[in-house]
Amino acid sequence: MRCGSARASAGDDIEIVLVEPNPCQQALSELDLVAVGPPRPQFCELWHPTVFRDLPVTVCYNRLHDVDTASRSAIIGPRDEEHQRIDYWRLVLATGAIAFVPPVPGLAENAVTMWSVEDAQELQRRIEAAFKHAATLYTREERNRVLSFTVIGGGATGIEIIGTLGQMLPRRAREAGLDPEDLRVRLVEGRPDILYDLPKPQRAKAVARLGRMGVELVLGEMVEHVEPGVIVLESGKHVDANVLVFCGGAKADPDAIDWGLEADTSGRLVCDEYLRSTRHEDIYVVGDVAAFRDPKGNRVLPMLAQFAIRQGEHTADNLLREARGEKITPFVPHMHGEFVSVGPRWGVGWMFKWNISGIPAIIMKRLTYVLYWFMVGGVRLAWKRTCEMLSMQR
């Protein structure tokens, strides 16, 4: 059984087949707004049928099971079902990453990760449940325990979640008839500082901003284990965490190491300067699953959307070059900046050689989001998302 094929030569048309289990793409950098704020899940979603409506793309909604490099076939379908084959002339692997949860006792059972719209909706449900429970309690001590919101992880995702919680939970508490003074919002980070990917002055500004929001920072403390409603640190300290979010990083698609391609110790697929698998020149690897080494410093690129987008564009250009019999070009990564929101209306980051904070930084972060939707969905989608973001400022 076949979903389609993708063969081409210098004189042939190219048939494009996308294998993807989900009917929509999700913008992970905006999940905090769905988890805590008024935007609906659709704010972070881009539905494939709307994007590919007028494009020569066939979508096969399924999972990649294996890659048969000898016969040049992508084998798709769940492990316990009959598999399908899609022959390829060139194969592009862009299977991304999943949330990483370390084997800390009780962590996976009690924490919600932040890696999908479903995760954001689960956090929303836990917040609402905490408010409903707190409304039935008589003592402040009991309400403090139930209204304890804790995020583990001081990277970009963790700071964006805790910042949005710190800014928006007081308003939500007042709307529910609760006293915002009963809220306890905390961030736990094992290292002595947050946002290590940003310059030190920007980190300090983020710390100060969180402090003004009333967010308590617990830095330099590793989690020993997690119990229902409580984090136990290695120092023996107990931190209330009735609603717990884990933002400790990501790891490459775990199925990728089973496809017979070279992988590094982290499970990412090793590729050459053209983003091709080191073992098979007819297979390209892009995005979070790719272990691409920056030729400038010989370091593997971090899992960032800006690199994934540029790798996708560059690979598409090289595929067209190959089909025309032209020479392909190496991928040269450029990082123009990075911005992190600390609440929906404030941010920190850098662009080119300048550090930027406050409203200008959050405008730049939101602008990159809108520009991406413009690239894939045109003016109508970009305008719709802009209106939704402006509504949050009211």
Protein backbone atom coordinates (compact mmCIF):
# COMPACT_ATOMS: atom_id res chain seq x y z
CA MET A 1 0.00 0.00 0.00
CA ARG A 2 1.42 3.42 -0.93
CA CYS A 3 0.61 7.00 -0.05
CA GLY A 4 2.58 8.37 -2.97
CA SER A 5 6.07 8.65 -4.39
CA ALA A 6 8.79 11.26 -4.67
CA ARG A 7 11.10 10.68 -7.60
CA ALA A 8 12.81 13.19 -9.81
CA SER A 9 15.65 13.60 -12.25
CA ALA A 10 17.13 16.58 -14.01
CA GLY A 11 14.33 16.63 -16.56
CA ASP A 12 11.43 15.43 -14.41
CA ASP A 13 8.90 17.29 -12.33
CA ILE A 14 9.33 16.87 -8.59
CA GLU A 15 6.56 15.22 -6.63
CA ILE A 16 6.47 16.32 -3.01
CA VAL A 17 5.11 14.07 -0.26
CA LEU A 18 4.93 15.16 3.37
CA VAL A 19 4.69 12.40 5.99
CA GLU A 20 3.37 13.86 9.23
CA PRO A 21 1.10 12.36 11.92
CA ASN A 22 -0.55 15.67 12.89
CA PRO A 23 -2.73 17.88 10.68
CA CYS A 24 -1.22 21.10 12.03
CA GLN A 25 2.06 22.70 12.98
CA GLN A 26 2.47 24.26 16.42
CA ALA A 27 4.43 27.37 17.42
CA LEU A 28 6.09 26.29 20.66
CA SER A 29 7.43 29.76 21.48
CA GLU A 30 3.91 31.05 22.08
CA LEU A 31 2.58 28.17 24.21
CA ASP A 32 2.79 30.21 27.40
CA LEU A 33 0.04 32.50 26.09
CA VAL A 34 -2.27 29.54 25.45
CA ALA A 35 -1.45 27.94 28.80
CA VAL A 36 -2.16 30.98 30.96
CA GLY A 37 -3.75 33.68 28.85
CA PRO A 38 -6.91 34.23 26.86
CA PRO A 39 -5.73 33.02 23.39
CA ARG A 40 -7.30 29.81 22.19
CA PRO A 41 -5.18 26.81 21.06
CA GLN A 42 -5.59 27.93 17.44
CA PHE A 43 -3.28 30.86 18.25
CA CYS A 44 -0.35 28.43 18.16
CA GLU A 45 -1.57 26.21 15.33
CA LEU A 46 -1.12 26.27 11.59
CA TRP A 47 -3.33 23.76 9.80
CA HIS A 48 -1.69 22.02 6.84
CA PRO A 49 -4.78 22.01 4.58
CA THR A 50 -4.81 25.82 4.64
CA VAL A 51 -1.10 26.04 3.78
CA PHE A 52 -0.96 23.38 1.07
CA ARG A 53 -4.33 24.18 -0.52
CA ASP A 54 -2.81 25.60 -3.71
CA LEU A 55 0.56 23.84 -3.59
CA PRO A 56 1.63 20.55 -5.27
CA VAL A 57 2.10 18.77 -1.94
CA THR A 58 0.62 15.41 -1.02
CA VAL A 59 0.25 14.92 2.74
CA CYS A 60 0.29 11.43 4.22
CA TYR A 61 -0.86 11.59 7.86
CA ASN A 62 1.24 8.89 9.44
CA ARG A 63 4.52 8.33 11.28
CA LEU A 64 7.89 7.38 9.85
CA HIS A 65 8.67 3.86 11.04
CA ASP A 66 11.98 3.16 9.30
CA VAL A 67 14.18 4.09 6.37
CA ASP A 68 15.15 1.40 3.84
CA THR A 69 18.23 3.02 2.32
CA ALA A 70 18.93 0.05 0.02
CA SER A 71 15.61 0.34 -1.81
CA ARG A 72 15.25 4.10 -1.17
CA SER A 73 11.96 3.73 0.65
CA ALA A 74 10.48 5.48 3.66
CA ILE A 75 8.53 2.93 5.70
CA ILE A 76 5.62 4.47 7.53
CA GLY A 77 2.96 3.36 9.98
CA PRO A 78 2.70 2.38 13.66
CA ARG A 79 4.90 -0.47 14.81
CA ASP A 80 1.97 -2.81 15.44
CA GLU A 81 0.24 -2.24 12.10
CA GLU A 82 0.86 -3.02 8.44
CA HIS A 83 3.52 -0.71 7.09
CA GLN A 84 3.42 1.36 3.93
CA ARG A 85 6.28 2.34 1.63
CA ILE A 86 7.00 5.63 -0.09
CA ASP A 87 9.84 5.51 -2.58
CA TYR A 88 12.08 8.55 -2.65
CA TRP A 89 14.62 10.20 -4.91
CA ARG A 90 15.68 12.45 -2.04
CA LEU A 91 14.49 12.13 1.54
CA VAL A 92 14.41 15.02 4.02
CA LEU A 93 14.24 14.06 7.69
CA ALA A 94 12.84 16.86 9.85
CA THR A 95 11.27 14.86 12.66
CA GLY A 96 12.19 17.34 15.38
CA ALA A 97 12.51 16.68 19.08
CA ILE A 98 10.45 15.75 22.12
CA ALA A 99 10.44 17.05 25.68
CA PHE A 100 13.23 15.66 27.84
CA VAL A 101 12.24 14.53 31.34
CA PRO A 102 15.13 13.17 33.44
CA PRO A 103 14.61 10.10 35.65
CA VAL A 104 14.01 12.13 38.82
CA PRO A 105 11.64 10.10 41.03
CA GLY A 106 8.10 11.45 40.81
CA LEU A 107 8.86 14.14 38.22
CA ALA A 108 7.14 12.60 35.21
CA GLU A 109 4.13 11.61 37.30
CA ASN A 110 3.52 15.06 38.80
CA ALA A 111 4.76 17.62 36.25
CA VAL A 112 3.38 18.80 32.93
CA THR A 113 5.90 19.53 30.17
CA MET A 114 5.52 22.40 27.72
CA TRP A 115 6.05 20.94 24.27
CA SER A 116 2.65 21.01 22.58
CA VAL A 117 -0.76 22.69 22.59
CA GLU A 118 -2.01 19.65 24.49
CA ASP A 119 0.55 20.38 27.23
CA ALA A 120 -0.58 24.01 27.35
CA GLN A 121 -4.21 22.94 27.67
CA GLU A 122 -3.29 20.54 30.47
CA LEU A 123 -1.58 23.37 32.35
CA GLN A 124 -4.68 25.50 31.81
CA ARG A 125 -6.82 22.74 33.34
CA ARG A 126 -4.52 22.44 36.36
CA ILE A 127 -4.61 26.18 36.93
CA GLU A 128 -8.41 26.23 36.82
CA ALA A 129 -8.59 23.23 39.17
CA ALA A 130 -6.28 24.96 41.65
CA PHE A 131 -8.44 28.11 41.63
CA LYS A 132 -11.62 26.10 42.20
CA HIS A 133 -10.03 24.20 45.07
CA ALA A 134 -8.62 27.35 46.67
CA ALA A 135 -12.06 28.96 46.64
CA THR A 136 -13.29 26.28 49.07
CA LEU A 137 -10.51 26.78 51.63
CA TYR A 138 -10.69 28.97 54.73
CA THR A 139 -7.10 29.54 55.83
CA ARG A 140 -4.42 31.45 53.95
CA GLU A 141 -1.90 28.69 54.63
CA GLU A 142 -4.10 26.17 52.82
CA ARG A 143 -4.70 28.54 49.92
CA ASN A 144 -0.95 29.25 49.66
CA ARG A 145 -0.31 25.53 49.28
CA VAL A 146 -3.01 25.00 46.64
CA LEU A 147 -2.13 28.19 44.76
CA SER A 148 1.55 27.23 44.50
CA PHE A 149 2.76 27.34 40.88
CA THR A 150 6.30 26.15 40.27
CA VAL A 151 8.38 25.88 37.10
CA ILE A 152 11.54 23.77 36.92
CA GLY A 153 14.06 25.05 34.38
CA GLY A 154 15.61 28.48 33.86
CA GLY A 155 16.09 28.32 30.11
CA ALA A 156 14.06 30.27 27.58
CA THR A 157 10.93 28.10 27.83
CA GLY A 158 10.94 28.07 31.62
CA ILE A 159 11.37 31.84 31.84
CA GLU A 160 8.60 32.46 29.34
CA ILE A 161 6.21 30.21 31.27
CA ILE A 162 7.06 31.62 34.71
CA GLY A 163 6.93 35.18 33.39
CA THR A 164 3.47 34.66 31.96
CA LEU A 165 2.32 32.98 35.17
CA GLY A 166 3.75 35.82 37.25
CA GLN A 167 2.02 38.51 35.21
CA MET A 168 -1.33 36.91 34.41
CA LEU A 169 -2.19 34.78 37.43
CA PRO A 170 -2.94 37.77 39.72
CA ARG A 171 -5.55 39.05 37.26
CA ARG A 172 -7.05 35.60 36.89
CA ALA A 173 -7.15 35.23 40.67
CA ARG A 174 -9.04 38.52 41.05
CA GLU A 175 -11.49 37.46 38.33
CA ALA A 176 -12.11 34.26 40.32
CA GLY A 177 -12.74 36.24 43.52
CA LEU A 178 -9.44 35.19 45.09
CA ASP A 179 -6.75 37.33 46.71
CA PRO A 180 -3.61 37.54 44.52
CA GLU A 181 -1.59 37.69 47.75
CA ASP A 182 -2.39 34.01 48.20
CA LEU A 183 -0.43 33.09 45.06
CA ARG A 184 3.02 31.51 45.33
CA VAL A 185 4.90 31.54 42.01
CA ARG A 186 8.41 30.02 41.96
CA LEU A 187 11.15 29.04 39.54
CA VAL A 188 13.62 26.27 40.43
CA GLU A 189 16.89 26.11 38.48
CA GLY A 190 19.85 23.86 39.27
CA ARG A 191 22.40 26.34 37.97
CA PRO A 192 23.21 29.61 39.78
CA ASP A 193 21.68 31.79 37.07
CA ILE A 194 19.03 31.77 34.33
CA LEU A 195 19.07 32.25 30.54
CA TYR A 196 22.70 31.25 30.01
CA ASP A 197 22.31 31.73 26.24
CA LEU A 198 21.84 35.49 26.77
CA PRO A 199 24.47 38.09 27.76
CA LYS A 200 24.89 38.56 31.50
CA PRO A 201 23.30 42.05 31.61
CA GLN A 202 20.16 40.64 29.97
CA ARG A 203 20.00 37.83 32.50
CA ALA A 204 20.17 40.36 35.32
CA LYS A 205 17.32 42.36 33.80
CA ALA A 206 15.19 39.22 33.53
CA VAL A 207 15.88 38.37 37.19
CA ALA A 208 14.90 41.90 38.24
CA ARG A 209 11.72 41.80 36.17
CA LEU A 210 10.66 38.47 37.69
CA GLY A 211 11.33 39.86 41.16
CA ARG A 212 9.02 42.80 40.50
CA MET A 213 6.33 40.31 39.47
CA GLY A 214 6.66 38.55 42.81
CA VAL A 215 8.28 35.43 41.36
CA GLU A 216 10.57 33.65 43.83
CA LEU A 217 13.76 32.28 42.27
CA VAL A 218 15.32 29.14 43.77
CA LEU A 219 18.71 28.98 42.04
CA GLY A 220 21.61 26.57 42.41
CA GLU A 221 19.36 23.83 43.82
CA MET A 222 18.90 20.44 42.15
CA VAL A 223 15.67 18.47 42.50
CA GLU A 224 16.08 15.25 44.48
CA HIS A 225 12.56 13.92 44.04
CA VAL A 226 8.99 15.08 43.56
CA GLU A 227 5.95 14.20 45.63
CA PRO A 228 2.34 15.21 44.93
CA GLY A 229 2.28 18.96 45.52
CA VAL A 230 5.88 19.18 46.76
CA ILE A 231 9.39 19.35 45.28
CA VAL A 232 12.17 18.02 47.52
CA LEU A 233 15.56 19.56 46.72
CA GLU A 234 18.92 17.87 47.29
CA SER A 235 19.55 20.30 50.14
CA GLY A 236 16.48 18.91 51.89
CA LYS A 237 14.41 22.02 51.27
CA HIS A 238 10.74 21.48 50.39
CA VAL A 239 9.06 23.69 47.78
CA ASP A 240 5.29 23.68 47.39
CA ALA A 241 4.28 22.87 43.83
CA ASN A 242 0.61 22.05 43.53
CA VAL A 243 0.85 23.00 39.84
CA LEU A 244 4.24 21.91 38.50
CA VAL A 245 5.71 22.59 35.04
CA PHE A 246 8.95 21.01 33.86
CA CYS A 247 10.91 22.94 31.21
CA GLY A 248 14.24 21.16 31.33
CA GLY A 249 15.05 20.86 27.66
CA ALA A 250 14.47 18.57 24.71
CA LYS A 251 15.99 15.58 22.96
CA ALA A 252 15.92 14.54 19.32
CA ASP A 253 13.19 12.23 18.00
CA PRO A 254 14.10 8.97 19.80
CA ASP A 255 13.13 6.86 16.77
CA ALA A 256 15.86 8.48 14.66
CA ILE A 257 18.65 6.28 16.04
CA ASP A 258 16.90 3.19 14.63
CA TRP A 259 17.02 4.33 10.99
CA GLY A 260 20.56 3.18 10.25
CA LEU A 261 22.03 6.68 9.97
CA GLU A 262 25.00 8.00 11.91
CA ALA A 263 23.95 9.61 15.19
CA ASP A 264 25.89 11.42 17.90
CA THR A 265 25.79 10.64 21.61
CA SER A 266 22.70 12.84 22.11
CA GLY A 267 20.71 10.92 19.47
CA ARG A 268 20.81 13.64 16.79
CA LEU A 269 21.64 12.57 13.23
CA VAL A 270 25.06 13.62 12.01
CA CYS A 271 25.14 15.55 8.74
CA ASP A 272 27.73 17.15 6.49
CA GLU A 273 28.13 20.78 5.43
CA TYR A 274 25.27 20.35 2.95
CA LEU A 275 22.91 18.96 5.65
CA ARG A 276 23.12 15.49 4.11
CA SER A 277 23.46 12.35 6.20
CA THR A 278 27.11 11.38 6.47
CA ARG A 279 26.23 7.84 5.36
CA HIS A 280 23.73 8.57 2.59
CA GLU A 281 24.01 11.57 0.27
CA ASP A 282 20.39 11.16 -0.87
CA ILE A 283 19.09 11.87 2.65
CA TYR A 284 19.00 15.38 4.11
CA VAL A 285 18.59 16.06 7.84
CA VAL A 286 17.30 19.40 9.13
CA GLY A 287 16.00 20.98 12.33
CA ASP A 288 16.24 19.67 15.87
CA VAL A 289 17.03 16.11 14.77
CA ALA A 290 20.13 17.30 12.86
CA ALA A 291 23.56 17.43 14.50
CA PHE A 292 25.04 20.11 12.26
CA ARG A 293 28.42 21.48 13.31
CA ASP A 294 29.02 25.17 12.79
CA PRO A 295 32.27 25.37 10.77
CA LYS A 296 33.29 28.51 12.68
CA GLY A 297 33.54 26.86 16.10
CA ASN A 298 32.91 23.17 15.34
CA ARG A 299 30.00 23.20 17.79
CA VAL A 300 26.68 21.47 17.12
CA LEU A 301 23.97 24.06 16.54
CA PRO A 302 21.42 24.36 19.35
CA MET A 303 17.80 23.38 18.84
CA LEU A 304 16.40 26.74 17.77
CA ALA A 305 13.57 27.50 15.36
CA GLN A 306 15.60 30.11 13.47
CA PHE A 307 18.16 27.47 12.47
CA ALA A 308 15.49 24.91 11.56
CA ILE A 309 13.66 27.37 9.31
CA ARG A 310 16.84 28.39 7.48
CA GLN A 311 17.95 24.77 7.11
CA GLY A 312 14.59 23.91 5.57
CA GLU A 313 14.81 26.77 3.10
CA HIS A 314 18.41 25.92 2.21
CA THR A 315 17.61 22.24 1.69
CA ALA A 316 14.68 23.09 -0.59
CA ASP A 317 17.03 25.24 -2.67
CA ASN A 318 19.60 22.43 -2.88
CA LEU A 319 16.95 19.91 -3.93
CA LEU A 320 15.98 22.16 -6.80
CA ARG A 321 19.65 22.55 -7.70
CA GLU A 322 20.09 18.79 -7.78
CA ALA A 323 17.00 18.33 -9.94
CA ARG A 324 18.44 20.85 -12.42
CA GLY A 325 21.85 19.24 -12.42
CA GLU A 326 23.44 22.18 -10.63
CA LYS A 327 26.00 22.16 -7.83
CA ILE A 328 24.59 22.30 -4.33
CA THR A 329 25.83 24.83 -1.76
CA PRO A 330 26.90 24.33 1.87
CA PHE A 331 24.73 25.59 4.71
CA VAL A 332 26.22 28.57 6.55
CA PRO A 333 24.42 29.29 9.86
CA HIS A 334 23.85 32.85 10.98
CA MET A 335 22.31 33.81 14.30
CA HIS A 336 21.01 37.37 14.08
CA GLY A 337 19.57 37.52 17.59
CA GLU A 338 17.53 35.88 20.31
CA PHE A 339 14.60 37.16 22.36
CA VAL A 340 12.85 35.75 25.42
CA SER A 341 9.55 37.03 26.78
CA VAL A 342 9.35 37.69 30.52
CA GLY A 343 5.60 38.01 30.65
CA PRO A 344 3.38 38.81 27.64
CA ARG A 345 4.40 42.50 27.49
CA TRP A 346 8.11 42.56 28.30
CA GLY A 347 11.23 40.79 27.07
CA VAL A 348 15.01 40.60 26.94
CA GLY A 349 17.40 39.61 24.18
CA TRP A 350 19.90 40.75 21.62
CA MET A 351 20.02 41.54 17.92
CA PHE A 352 23.24 41.81 15.96
CA LYS A 353 25.51 43.66 18.44
CA TRP A 354 22.84 45.32 20.57
CA ASN A 355 21.21 44.20 23.79
CA ILE A 356 17.50 45.01 23.85
CA SER A 357 15.04 44.79 26.73
CA GLY A 358 11.53 45.84 27.70
CA ILE A 359 8.82 46.65 25.17
CA PRO A 360 11.19 46.83 22.15
CA ALA A 361 12.38 43.28 22.90
CA ILE A 362 8.88 41.84 23.16
CA ILE A 363 7.91 43.62 19.94
CA MET A 364 10.85 41.96 18.17
CA LYS A 365 9.92 38.56 19.56
CA ARG A 366 6.29 38.86 18.51
CA LEU A 367 7.31 40.30 15.15
CA THR A 368 9.37 37.21 14.31
CA TYR A 369 6.28 35.13 15.10
CA VAL A 370 4.08 37.22 12.80
CA LEU A 371 6.68 37.22 10.03
CA TYR A 372 6.82 33.44 10.12
CA TRP A 373 3.04 33.18 9.77
CA PHE A 374 3.27 35.64 6.89
CA MET A 375 5.84 33.42 5.18
CA VAL A 376 3.68 30.32 5.39
CA GLY A 377 0.14 31.71 5.48
CA GLY A 378 0.21 35.11 3.81
CA VAL A 379 -1.22 38.48 4.84
CA ARG A 380 -4.55 37.14 6.13
CA LEU A 381 -3.00 34.76 8.68
CA ALA A 382 -0.36 37.27 9.76
CA TRP A 383 -3.02 39.96 10.33
CA LYS A 384 -5.21 37.55 12.28
CA ARG A 385 -2.35 36.59 14.62
CA THR A 386 -1.40 40.26 15.06
CA CYS A 387 -4.94 41.15 16.13
CA GLU A 388 -4.96 38.27 18.62
CA MET A 389 -1.69 39.46 20.16
CA LEU A 390 -2.89 43.07 20.38
CA SER A 391 -6.00 41.91 22.22
CA MET A 392 -3.76 40.59 25.00
CA GLN A 393 -2.45 44.07 25.72
CA ARG A 394 -5.85 45.33 26.84
